C-alpha cells in the first residue's frame, strides 16, 4: 500500500477550501437557475391577475398614477377589451 507521509501544507488547505466552496456554489447556482426557469408561471403578467393582459395592467397603473383621467381610462379599457375578441 502506498502512503503519502507528507503534510498537505498551507496552500493545500487553501486549495481544498476554495474547491469545496466553488463546487457547492456551482451546485446551488444550478439548482436556483433551474427552479427560476421552470417555476412560478415564468412571471408572464408580473403581478397582474392571470385573466388580464399586460396592456390592461399598464393602463391601470397609468390611471393609478394619475397620468390619465377616468373617462380616458374607461374608453381605452373598452377598446382593449373589444380588440381582445378578434383573432390575431
Protein backbone atom coordinates (compact mmCIF):
# COMPACT_ATOMS: atom_id res chain seq x y z
CA UNK A 1 0.00 0.00 0.00
CA UNK A 2 1.34 3.38 -0.95
CA UNK A 3 1.17 6.06 1.68
CA UNK A 4 1.98 9.68 1.25
CA UNK A 5 3.58 10.65 4.50
CA UNK A 6 3.78 14.36 3.90
CA UNK A 7 1.58 17.15 5.19
CA UNK A 8 -0.63 18.95 2.75
CA UNK A 9 0.76 22.35 3.73
CA UNK A 10 -0.96 25.71 3.88
CA UNK A 11 -1.63 26.06 0.15
CA UNK A 12 -3.12 22.60 0.02
CA UNK A 13 -5.70 23.51 2.66
CA UNK A 14 -6.48 26.80 0.90
CA UNK A 15 -6.95 24.98 -2.40
CA UNK A 16 -9.16 22.38 -0.73
CA UNK A 17 -11.41 25.02 0.86
CA UNK A 18 -11.67 27.01 -2.37
CA UNK A 19 -12.56 23.95 -4.42
CA UNK A 20 -15.17 22.95 -1.83
CA UNK A 21 -16.80 26.41 -1.96
CA UNK A 22 -16.64 26.50 -5.76
CA UNK A 23 -18.18 23.04 -6.08
CA UNK A 24 -21.13 23.72 -3.77
CA UNK A 25 -21.60 27.23 -5.16
CA UNK A 26 -21.93 25.77 -8.65
CA UNK A 27 -24.42 23.14 -7.48
CA UNK A 28 -26.59 25.69 -5.63
CA UNK A 29 -26.46 28.16 -8.54
CA UNK A 30 -27.54 25.45 -10.98
CA UNK A 31 -30.48 24.48 -8.75
CA UNK A 32 -31.62 28.09 -8.36
CA UNK A 33 -31.39 28.82 -12.09
CA UNK A 34 -33.28 25.64 -12.92
CA UNK A 35 -36.02 26.47 -10.42
CA UNK A 36 -36.38 30.02 -11.78
CA UNK A 37 -36.63 28.84 -15.37
CA UNK A 38 -39.30 26.20 -14.73
CA UNK A 39 -41.37 27.54 -11.86
CA UNK A 40 -43.90 30.20 -10.92
CA UNK A 41 -45.54 30.53 -14.34
CA UNK A 42 -42.48 32.36 -15.69
CA UNK A 43 -43.95 35.66 -14.43
CA UNK A 44 -45.80 36.40 -17.61
CA UNK A 45 -48.04 39.04 -16.05
CA UNK A 46 -45.66 40.30 -13.33
CA UNK A 47 -48.07 40.90 -10.51
CA UNK A 48 -51.22 41.18 -12.58
CA UNK A 49 -54.11 38.83 -12.42
CA UNK A 50 -53.83 35.89 -14.84
CA UNK A 51 -57.10 36.73 -16.62
CA UNK A 52 -55.94 40.22 -17.58
CA UNK A 53 -53.46 41.16 -20.22
CA UNK A 54 -50.32 43.18 -19.85
CA UNK A 55 -51.86 46.13 -21.68
CA UNK A 56 -54.73 46.31 -19.18
CA UNK A 57 -52.27 46.20 -16.28
CA UNK A 58 -50.24 49.04 -17.76
CA UNK A 59 -53.39 51.06 -18.34
CA UNK A 60 -54.48 50.51 -14.74
CA UNK A 61 -51.06 51.64 -13.50
CA UNK A 62 -51.23 54.82 -15.57
CA UNK A 63 -54.68 55.54 -14.18
CA UNK A 64 -53.49 54.91 -10.62
CA UNK A 65 -50.55 57.28 -11.09
CA UNK A 66 -52.88 59.97 -12.41
CA UNK A 67 -51.43 60.12 -15.91
CA UNK A 68 -54.88 59.62 -17.47
CA UNK A 69 -58.34 60.53 -16.21
CA UNK A 70 -61.28 58.20 -15.65
CA UNK A 71 -63.02 58.85 -18.97
CA UNK A 72 -59.83 58.15 -20.93
CA UNK A 73 -59.20 55.03 -18.82
CA UNK A 74 -62.67 53.58 -19.44
CA UNK A 75 -62.52 54.41 -23.17
CA UNK A 76 -59.13 52.75 -23.61
CA UNK A 77 -60.12 49.78 -21.47
CA UNK A 78 -63.24 49.24 -23.59
CA UNK A 79 -61.13 49.45 -26.75
CA UNK A 80 -58.69 46.89 -25.40
CA UNK A 81 -61.45 44.50 -24.45
CA UNK A 82 -63.16 44.86 -27.82
CA UNK A 83 -59.86 44.14 -29.56
CA UNK A 84 -59.23 41.02 -27.49
CA UNK A 85 -62.18 39.18 -29.05
CA UNK A 86 -60.73 39.43 -32.56
CA UNK A 87 -58.43 36.68 -33.86
CA UNK A 88 -54.89 37.87 -34.33
